[in-house]
């Protein structure tokens, strides 16, 4: 009977120690989940254009025709996503 009581007490002691240890072990913190930047901005309506430099540009404003210094007219897209207000277009 004495052996059974000691075995039961020892088992209870081990279980208590295991539970206490498992509660105190620091778990790695999960990174905070936030939506990515492209989803939290309202998309602006716009259009892709072929710039005179050979690149595609996405612009929000209207296409305009502006006079050049030599007297010619040039089509430009306005208010583009790369931050430029005017981008010359390829005809």
Protein backbone atom coordinates (compact mmCIF):
# COMPACT_ATOMS: atom_id res chain seq x y z
CA UNK A 1 0.00 0.00 0.00
CA UNK A 2 2.86 2.31 0.85
CA UNK A 3 4.48 1.66 -2.54
CA UNK A 4 1.21 2.37 -4.36
CA UNK A 5 0.80 5.66 -2.51
CA UNK A 6 4.40 6.70 -3.31
CA UNK A 7 3.92 5.77 -6.98
CA UNK A 8 0.71 7.78 -7.14
CA UNK A 9 2.31 10.80 -5.48
CA UNK A 10 5.33 10.56 -7.80
CA UNK A 11 3.03 10.36 -10.84
CA UNK A 12 1.05 13.38 -9.60
CA UNK A 13 4.31 15.29 -9.02
CA UNK A 14 5.60 14.54 -12.54
CA UNK A 15 2.26 15.53 -14.12
CA UNK A 16 2.19 18.80 -12.15
CA UNK A 17 5.77 19.64 -13.13
CA UNK A 18 5.11 18.85 -16.78
CA UNK A 19 1.98 21.00 -16.90
CA UNK A 20 3.70 23.89 -15.12
CA UNK A 21 6.67 23.73 -17.46
CA UNK A 22 4.49 23.60 -20.57
CA UNK A 23 2.60 26.71 -19.43
CA UNK A 24 5.73 28.73 -18.71
CA UNK A 25 7.65 27.94 -21.89
CA UNK A 26 7.63 31.00 -24.13
CA UNK A 27 5.96 30.38 -27.44
CA UNK A 28 7.25 32.27 -30.49
CA UNK A 29 5.15 35.31 -31.24
CA UNK A 30 3.16 35.17 -34.44
CA UNK A 31 3.79 38.12 -36.77
CA UNK A 32 0.94 40.58 -36.97
CA UNK A 33 -1.07 39.95 -40.12
CA UNK A 34 -1.98 43.04 -42.07
CA UNK A 35 -3.27 43.38 -45.60
CA UNK A 36 -0.67 44.22 -48.20
CA UNK A 37 -0.42 47.75 -49.55
CA UNK A 38 -2.07 47.13 -52.89
CA UNK A 39 -5.35 46.07 -51.32
CA UNK A 40 -5.96 48.93 -48.91
CA UNK A 41 -5.85 51.62 -51.60
CA UNK A 42 -8.85 52.35 -53.76
CA UNK A 43 -7.83 51.71 -57.36
CA UNK A 44 -7.96 54.76 -59.60
CA UNK A 45 -9.36 54.40 -63.07
CA UNK A 46 -6.71 54.84 -65.71
CA UNK A 47 -5.20 53.44 -68.84
CA UNK A 48 -1.89 52.04 -70.12
CA UNK A 49 -0.06 54.06 -72.77
CA UNK A 50 3.09 53.51 -74.82
CA UNK A 51 5.53 56.30 -73.97
CA UNK A 52 7.91 57.84 -76.50
CA UNK A 53 10.77 56.43 -74.42
CA UNK A 54 9.58 52.89 -75.27
CA UNK A 55 8.09 52.07 -71.86
CA UNK A 56 4.51 51.41 -70.87
CA UNK A 57 3.04 53.96 -68.46
CA UNK A 58 -0.23 53.94 -66.52
CA UNK A 59 -1.90 57.36 -66.48
CA UNK A 60 -5.06 58.68 -64.86
CA UNK A 61 -5.54 61.97 -66.69
CA UNK A 62 -6.64 62.80 -70.21
CA UNK A 63 -4.46 62.63 -73.32
CA UNK A 64 -3.61 66.12 -74.55
CA UNK A 65 -1.87 67.62 -77.56
CA UNK A 66 0.80 70.16 -76.63
CA UNK A 67 2.87 72.38 -78.92
CA UNK A 68 6.64 71.77 -78.98
CA UNK A 69 9.30 74.47 -79.22
CA UNK A 70 9.82 73.80 -82.95
CA UNK A 71 6.09 74.28 -83.70
CA UNK A 72 5.12 70.61 -83.93
CA UNK A 73 2.33 69.10 -81.84
CA UNK A 74 2.94 66.20 -79.48
CA UNK A 75 0.45 63.90 -77.76
CA UNK A 76 1.05 63.50 -74.03
CA UNK A 77 -0.62 61.50 -71.26
CA UNK A 78 -1.21 63.34 -68.00
CA UNK A 79 -1.02 62.43 -64.31
CA UNK A 80 0.84 59.13 -64.49
CA UNK A 81 1.43 56.57 -61.77
CA UNK A 82 5.22 57.06 -61.76
CA UNK A 83 4.68 60.61 -60.44
CA UNK A 84 5.21 62.52 -63.68
CA UNK A 85 2.53 65.01 -64.66
CA UNK A 86 3.18 64.76 -68.42
CA UNK A 87 4.57 61.82 -70.43
CA UNK A 88 5.19 62.17 -74.19
CA UNK A 89 3.48 59.36 -76.11
CA UNK A 90 4.63 57.41 -79.13
CA UNK A 91 2.33 58.01 -82.10
